[in-house]
Amino acid sequence: MPLLKREDMKTVKVEMEGALNVTKASAIGAAQGWTGWSMRIFTLGKDGFTPFHSHPWPHINYIISGTGTVHVDGKEQTVKAGDTAFIEAGEKHQFKNQGEGDLSFICIVPEEGDK
């Protein structure tokens, strides 16, 4: 059983059009023996947001810390630590940090979604 400490996870700044103050840490995936899926940790800094986008795979998101909003296909809802959001394949979505601290969440996607 692999154990990957948070400080040892590869973390990259998300450099996409429509993203601001976002980092992604790779937690568990094929390299650790979990084939077909990938678990990442996204952190949105103050005033940060992900792109408003869609893709052909679903994903599950669990809010670890902070407060913000998730916009899914025309509906915006508040999220906080402990909440879960399921985004279906093809749904346009965006996460925004609305708090003073970071908004961090786990995002689990099929392997093809972690490029």
N, C-alpha and C. Protein backbone atom coordinates (compact mmCIF):
# COMPACT_ATOMS: atom_id res chain seq x y z
N MET A 1 0.85 -1.19 0.00
CA MET A 1 0.00 0.00 0.00
C MET A 1 0.89 1.24 0.00
N PRO A 2 0.84 2.03 -1.08
CA PRO A 2 1.64 3.25 -1.08
C PRO A 2 1.05 4.31 -0.16
N LEU A 3 1.93 5.02 0.49
CA LEU A 3 1.53 6.16 1.32
C LEU A 3 2.29 7.36 0.80
N LEU A 4 1.57 8.35 0.35
CA LEU A 4 2.18 9.54 -0.20
C LEU A 4 1.87 10.71 0.70
N LYS A 5 2.89 11.25 1.33
CA LYS A 5 2.72 12.40 2.21
C LYS A 5 2.40 13.64 1.38
N ARG A 6 1.57 14.51 1.92
CA ARG A 6 1.15 15.72 1.20
C ARG A 6 2.36 16.51 0.70
N GLU A 7 3.37 16.63 1.55
CA GLU A 7 4.55 17.41 1.16
C GLU A 7 5.36 16.75 0.04
N ASP A 8 5.11 15.47 -0.23
CA ASP A 8 5.82 14.76 -1.29
C ASP A 8 5.03 14.69 -2.60
N MET A 9 3.81 15.16 -2.59
CA MET A 9 3.00 15.13 -3.82
C MET A 9 3.50 16.17 -4.80
N LYS A 10 3.52 15.79 -6.07
CA LYS A 10 3.90 16.74 -7.11
C LYS A 10 2.79 17.79 -7.23
N THR A 11 3.15 19.05 -7.03
CA THR A 11 2.19 20.14 -7.10
C THR A 11 2.58 21.09 -8.22
N VAL A 12 1.61 21.44 -9.05
CA VAL A 12 1.86 22.34 -10.17
C VAL A 12 0.84 23.48 -10.16
N LYS A 13 1.26 24.62 -10.65
CA LYS A 13 0.34 25.73 -10.84
C LYS A 13 -0.50 25.43 -12.08
N VAL A 14 -1.80 25.61 -11.99
CA VAL A 14 -2.69 25.38 -13.13
C VAL A 14 -2.60 26.59 -14.04
N GLU A 15 -2.06 26.36 -15.22
CA GLU A 15 -1.86 27.42 -16.22
C GLU A 15 -2.83 27.20 -17.37
N MET A 16 -4.09 27.57 -17.15
CA MET A 16 -5.11 27.43 -18.18
C MET A 16 -5.83 28.75 -18.34
N GLU A 17 -6.29 29.03 -19.54
CA GLU A 17 -7.12 30.20 -19.73
C GLU A 17 -8.36 30.08 -18.85
N GLY A 18 -8.67 31.13 -18.12
CA GLY A 18 -9.85 31.13 -17.27
C GLY A 18 -9.59 30.66 -15.84
N ALA A 19 -8.33 30.34 -15.50
CA ALA A 19 -7.99 29.92 -14.13
C ALA A 19 -7.16 31.00 -13.46
N LEU A 20 -7.38 31.17 -12.15
CA LEU A 20 -6.61 32.16 -11.40
C LEU A 20 -6.30 31.60 -10.01
N ASN A 21 -5.03 31.66 -9.61
CA ASN A 21 -4.57 31.26 -8.27
C ASN A 21 -4.96 29.81 -7.94
N VAL A 22 -4.67 28.88 -8.86
CA VAL A 22 -5.03 27.48 -8.67
C VAL A 22 -3.78 26.61 -8.75
N THR A 23 -3.66 25.67 -7.79
CA THR A 23 -2.62 24.64 -7.87
C THR A 23 -3.28 23.27 -7.83
N LYS A 24 -2.56 22.28 -8.40
CA LYS A 24 -3.05 20.90 -8.42
C LYS A 24 -1.94 19.99 -7.91
N ALA A 25 -2.28 19.17 -6.93
CA ALA A 25 -1.35 18.16 -6.41
C ALA A 25 -1.86 16.79 -6.81
N SER A 26 -0.98 15.97 -7.37
CA SER A 26 -1.36 14.61 -7.75
C SER A 26 -1.21 13.72 -6.53
N ALA A 27 -2.32 13.09 -6.11
CA ALA A 27 -2.32 12.28 -4.89
C ALA A 27 -2.16 10.79 -5.20
N ILE A 28 -3.15 10.21 -5.89
CA ILE A 28 -3.11 8.77 -6.17
C ILE A 28 -3.61 8.53 -7.59
N GLY A 29 -2.92 7.68 -8.30
CA GLY A 29 -3.31 7.34 -9.67
C GLY A 29 -2.59 6.08 -10.10
N ALA A 30 -2.41 5.94 -11.39
CA ALA A 30 -1.79 4.74 -11.95
C ALA A 30 -0.39 4.50 -11.40
N ALA A 31 0.38 5.56 -11.17
CA ALA A 31 1.75 5.41 -10.65
C ALA A 31 1.78 4.75 -9.27
N GLN A 32 0.68 4.88 -8.53
CA GLN A 32 0.60 4.28 -7.20
C GLN A 32 -0.22 2.98 -7.23
N GLY A 33 -0.62 2.52 -8.42
CA GLY A 33 -1.34 1.26 -8.55
C GLY A 33 -2.85 1.38 -8.69
N TRP A 34 -3.39 2.62 -8.70
CA TRP A 34 -4.84 2.80 -8.86
C TRP A 34 -5.12 3.07 -10.34
N THR A 35 -5.22 2.03 -11.12
CA THR A 35 -5.40 2.19 -12.56
C THR A 35 -6.84 2.55 -12.88
N GLY A 36 -6.99 3.39 -13.87
CA GLY A 36 -8.32 3.79 -14.33
C GLY A 36 -8.84 5.06 -13.68
N TRP A 37 -8.22 5.49 -12.56
CA TRP A 37 -8.70 6.65 -11.83
C TRP A 37 -7.54 7.50 -11.36
N SER A 38 -7.86 8.72 -10.98
CA SER A 38 -6.85 9.62 -10.44
C SER A 38 -7.50 10.51 -9.39
N MET A 39 -6.77 10.71 -8.29
CA MET A 39 -7.23 11.62 -7.24
C MET A 39 -6.24 12.76 -7.14
N ARG A 40 -6.76 13.97 -7.27
CA ARG A 40 -5.93 15.16 -7.19
C ARG A 40 -6.47 16.07 -6.09
N ILE A 41 -5.63 16.98 -5.61
CA ILE A 41 -6.06 17.98 -4.64
C ILE A 41 -5.84 19.35 -5.28
N PHE A 42 -6.94 20.06 -5.46
CA PHE A 42 -6.86 21.42 -5.99
C PHE A 42 -6.93 22.41 -4.84
N THR A 43 -6.15 23.47 -4.94
CA THR A 43 -6.19 24.55 -3.96
C THR A 43 -6.37 25.86 -4.71
N LEU A 44 -7.39 26.59 -4.34
CA LEU A 44 -7.67 27.90 -4.93
C LEU A 44 -7.30 28.95 -3.88
N GLY A 45 -6.32 29.79 -4.21
CA GLY A 45 -5.93 30.86 -3.31
C GLY A 45 -7.00 31.94 -3.26
N LYS A 46 -6.73 32.97 -2.48
CA LYS A 46 -7.68 34.08 -2.34
C LYS A 46 -8.11 34.57 -3.71
N ASP A 47 -9.42 34.70 -3.90
CA ASP A 47 -10.03 35.15 -5.15
C ASP A 47 -9.77 34.22 -6.33
N GLY A 48 -9.30 33.00 -6.06
CA GLY A 48 -9.00 32.05 -7.13
C GLY A 48 -10.23 31.37 -7.69
N PHE A 49 -10.09 30.88 -8.92
CA PHE A 49 -11.18 30.14 -9.56
C PHE A 49 -10.64 29.23 -10.64
N THR A 50 -11.38 28.15 -10.90
CA THR A 50 -11.06 27.25 -12.00
C THR A 50 -11.74 27.78 -13.26
N PRO A 51 -11.33 27.30 -14.43
CA PRO A 51 -12.01 27.73 -15.66
C PRO A 51 -13.47 27.27 -15.65
N PHE A 52 -14.33 28.01 -16.34
CA PHE A 52 -15.71 27.57 -16.55
C PHE A 52 -15.65 26.68 -17.78
N HIS A 53 -15.76 25.37 -17.58
CA HIS A 53 -15.48 24.42 -18.66
C HIS A 53 -16.31 23.16 -18.51
N SER A 54 -16.23 22.31 -19.52
CA SER A 54 -16.84 20.98 -19.45
C SER A 54 -15.89 19.99 -20.11
N HIS A 55 -16.14 18.72 -19.87
CA HIS A 55 -15.34 17.65 -20.47
C HIS A 55 -16.17 16.37 -20.48
N PRO A 56 -15.74 15.36 -21.24
CA PRO A 56 -16.58 14.17 -21.42
C PRO A 56 -16.49 13.12 -20.31
N TRP A 57 -16.01 13.48 -19.13
CA TRP A 57 -15.95 12.54 -18.02
C TRP A 57 -16.55 13.18 -16.77
N PRO A 58 -17.11 12.35 -15.89
CA PRO A 58 -17.63 12.86 -14.62
C PRO A 58 -16.49 13.03 -13.62
N HIS A 59 -16.75 13.75 -12.56
CA HIS A 59 -15.80 13.76 -11.44
C HIS A 59 -16.50 14.05 -10.13
N ILE A 60 -15.86 13.56 -9.08
CA ILE A 60 -16.36 13.70 -7.72
C ILE A 60 -15.44 14.66 -7.00
N ASN A 61 -16.01 15.58 -6.24
CA ASN A 61 -15.22 16.58 -5.52
C ASN A 61 -15.64 16.60 -4.05
N TYR A 62 -14.65 16.59 -3.17
CA TYR A 62 -14.90 16.67 -1.73
C TYR A 62 -14.15 17.89 -1.20
N ILE A 63 -14.87 18.81 -0.58
CA ILE A 63 -14.26 20.04 -0.09
C ILE A 63 -13.52 19.74 1.22
N ILE A 64 -12.23 19.99 1.21
CA ILE A 64 -11.38 19.74 2.39
C ILE A 64 -11.41 20.93 3.34
N SER A 65 -11.26 22.12 2.76
CA SER A 65 -11.20 23.32 3.61
C SER A 65 -11.63 24.54 2.83
N GLY A 66 -12.04 25.57 3.56
CA GLY A 66 -12.42 26.83 2.97
C GLY A 66 -13.89 26.90 2.60
N THR A 67 -14.23 28.02 1.96
CA THR A 67 -15.60 28.24 1.49
C THR A 67 -15.54 28.80 0.07
N GLY A 68 -16.57 28.52 -0.68
CA GLY A 68 -16.61 29.01 -2.04
C GLY A 68 -17.93 28.69 -2.70
N THR A 69 -17.90 28.69 -4.02
CA THR A 69 -19.09 28.33 -4.79
C THR A 69 -18.70 27.35 -5.88
N VAL A 70 -19.68 26.55 -6.29
CA VAL A 70 -19.54 25.71 -7.46
C VAL A 70 -20.70 26.09 -8.38
N HIS A 71 -20.35 26.38 -9.61
CA HIS A 71 -21.33 26.76 -10.63
C HIS A 71 -21.44 25.56 -11.57
N VAL A 72 -22.64 24.98 -11.67
CA VAL A 72 -22.85 23.82 -12.54
C VAL A 72 -24.07 24.08 -13.41
N ASP A 73 -23.82 24.13 -14.72
CA ASP A 73 -24.89 24.28 -15.71
C ASP A 73 -25.95 25.31 -15.32
N GLY A 74 -25.49 26.51 -15.00
CA GLY A 74 -26.41 27.61 -14.74
C GLY A 74 -26.85 27.79 -13.31
N LYS A 75 -26.42 26.91 -12.40
CA LYS A 75 -26.81 27.03 -11.00
C LYS A 75 -25.56 27.13 -10.13
N GLU A 76 -25.54 28.17 -9.28
CA GLU A 76 -24.40 28.37 -8.39
C GLU A 76 -24.81 28.02 -6.96
N GLN A 77 -23.98 27.22 -6.28
CA GLN A 77 -24.26 26.83 -4.91
C GLN A 77 -23.03 27.07 -4.04
N THR A 78 -23.26 27.39 -2.78
CA THR A 78 -22.19 27.58 -1.83
C THR A 78 -21.66 26.22 -1.39
N VAL A 79 -20.32 26.13 -1.23
CA VAL A 79 -19.69 24.92 -0.73
C VAL A 79 -18.77 25.28 0.43
N LYS A 80 -18.61 24.32 1.34
CA LYS A 80 -17.72 24.50 2.49
C LYS A 80 -17.12 23.14 2.84
N ALA A 81 -16.14 23.14 3.73
CA ALA A 81 -15.50 21.91 4.16
C ALA A 81 -16.53 20.86 4.54
N GLY A 82 -16.35 19.65 4.01
CA GLY A 82 -17.26 18.54 4.29
C GLY A 82 -18.30 18.30 3.21
N ASP A 83 -18.47 19.26 2.29
CA ASP A 83 -19.44 19.10 1.20
C ASP A 83 -18.86 18.26 0.07
N THR A 84 -19.74 17.62 -0.69
CA THR A 84 -19.36 16.83 -1.86
C THR A 84 -20.14 17.34 -3.07
N ALA A 85 -19.46 17.44 -4.20
CA ALA A 85 -20.11 17.85 -5.45
C ALA A 85 -19.81 16.81 -6.52
N PHE A 86 -20.84 16.32 -7.18
CA PHE A 86 -20.68 15.39 -8.29
C PHE A 86 -20.97 16.15 -9.58
N ILE A 87 -19.99 16.18 -10.46
CA ILE A 87 -20.15 16.86 -11.76
C ILE A 87 -20.29 15.77 -12.82
N GLU A 88 -21.42 15.76 -13.51
CA GLU A 88 -21.64 14.76 -14.54
C GLU A 88 -20.87 15.10 -15.81
N ALA A 89 -20.60 14.11 -16.61
CA ALA A 89 -19.92 14.31 -17.90
C ALA A 89 -20.69 15.34 -18.72
N GLY A 90 -19.98 16.28 -19.29
CA GLY A 90 -20.58 17.28 -20.17
C GLY A 90 -21.14 18.50 -19.47
N GLU A 91 -21.22 18.51 -18.14
CA GLU A 91 -21.75 19.68 -17.43
C GLU A 91 -20.70 20.79 -17.35
N LYS A 92 -21.11 22.00 -17.72
CA LYS A 92 -20.21 23.15 -17.56
C LYS A 92 -20.14 23.49 -16.07
N HIS A 93 -18.92 23.70 -15.57
CA HIS A 93 -18.75 23.90 -14.14
C HIS A 93 -17.54 24.79 -13.83
N GLN A 94 -17.58 25.35 -12.63
CA GLN A 94 -16.48 26.21 -12.16
C GLN A 94 -16.53 26.28 -10.64
N PHE A 95 -15.36 26.22 -10.02
CA PHE A 95 -15.22 26.44 -8.58
C PHE A 95 -14.61 27.81 -8.35
N LYS A 96 -15.10 28.53 -7.33
CA LYS A 96 -14.56 29.84 -6.97
C LYS A 96 -14.33 29.88 -5.46
N ASN A 97 -13.21 30.46 -5.09
CA ASN A 97 -12.93 30.68 -3.67
C ASN A 97 -13.62 31.98 -3.26
N GLN A 98 -14.46 31.90 -2.23
CA GLN A 98 -15.17 33.08 -1.74
C GLN A 98 -14.72 33.46 -0.33
N GLY A 99 -13.76 32.74 0.22
CA GLY A 99 -13.33 32.97 1.60
C GLY A 99 -12.05 33.77 1.68
N GLU A 100 -11.61 33.99 2.90
CA GLU A 100 -10.37 34.72 3.15
C GLU A 100 -9.15 33.80 3.01
N GLY A 101 -9.32 32.51 3.31
CA GLY A 101 -8.23 31.55 3.18
C GLY A 101 -8.36 30.77 1.90
N ASP A 102 -7.59 29.69 1.79
CA ASP A 102 -7.63 28.83 0.62
C ASP A 102 -8.91 27.99 0.59
N LEU A 103 -9.35 27.65 -0.61
CA LEU A 103 -10.40 26.65 -0.83
C LEU A 103 -9.68 25.43 -1.41
N SER A 104 -9.71 24.31 -0.70
CA SER A 104 -9.06 23.09 -1.17
C SER A 104 -10.08 21.98 -1.31
N PHE A 105 -9.93 21.19 -2.37
CA PHE A 105 -10.85 20.07 -2.57
C PHE A 105 -10.17 18.92 -3.29
N ILE A 106 -10.64 17.72 -2.95
CA ILE A 106 -10.22 16.50 -3.63
C ILE A 106 -11.06 16.39 -4.89
N CYS A 107 -10.43 15.98 -5.98
CA CYS A 107 -11.13 15.78 -7.24
C CYS A 107 -10.72 14.41 -7.79
N ILE A 108 -11.70 13.52 -7.95
CA ILE A 108 -11.44 12.18 -8.48
C ILE A 108 -12.04 12.10 -9.87
N VAL A 109 -11.18 11.71 -10.83
CA VAL A 109 -11.59 11.62 -12.24
C VAL A 109 -11.11 10.31 -12.84
N PRO A 110 -11.75 9.86 -13.93
CA PRO A 110 -11.19 8.75 -14.68
C PRO A 110 -9.79 9.15 -15.18
N GLU A 111 -8.97 8.17 -15.42
CA GLU A 111 -7.58 8.40 -15.81
C GLU A 111 -7.43 9.40 -16.96
N GLU A 112 -8.33 9.32 -17.96
CA GLU A 112 -8.21 10.23 -19.11
C GLU A 112 -8.44 11.69 -18.72
N GLY A 113 -9.02 11.96 -17.55
CA GLY A 113 -9.26 13.31 -17.10
C GLY A 113 -8.09 13.95 -16.41
N ASP A 114 -7.02 13.20 -16.20
CA ASP A 114 -5.85 13.77 -15.51
C ASP A 114 -4.70 13.95 -16.48
N LYS A 115 -4.81 14.97 -17.28
CA LYS A 115 -3.77 15.27 -18.28
C LYS A 115 -2.95 16.45 -17.84
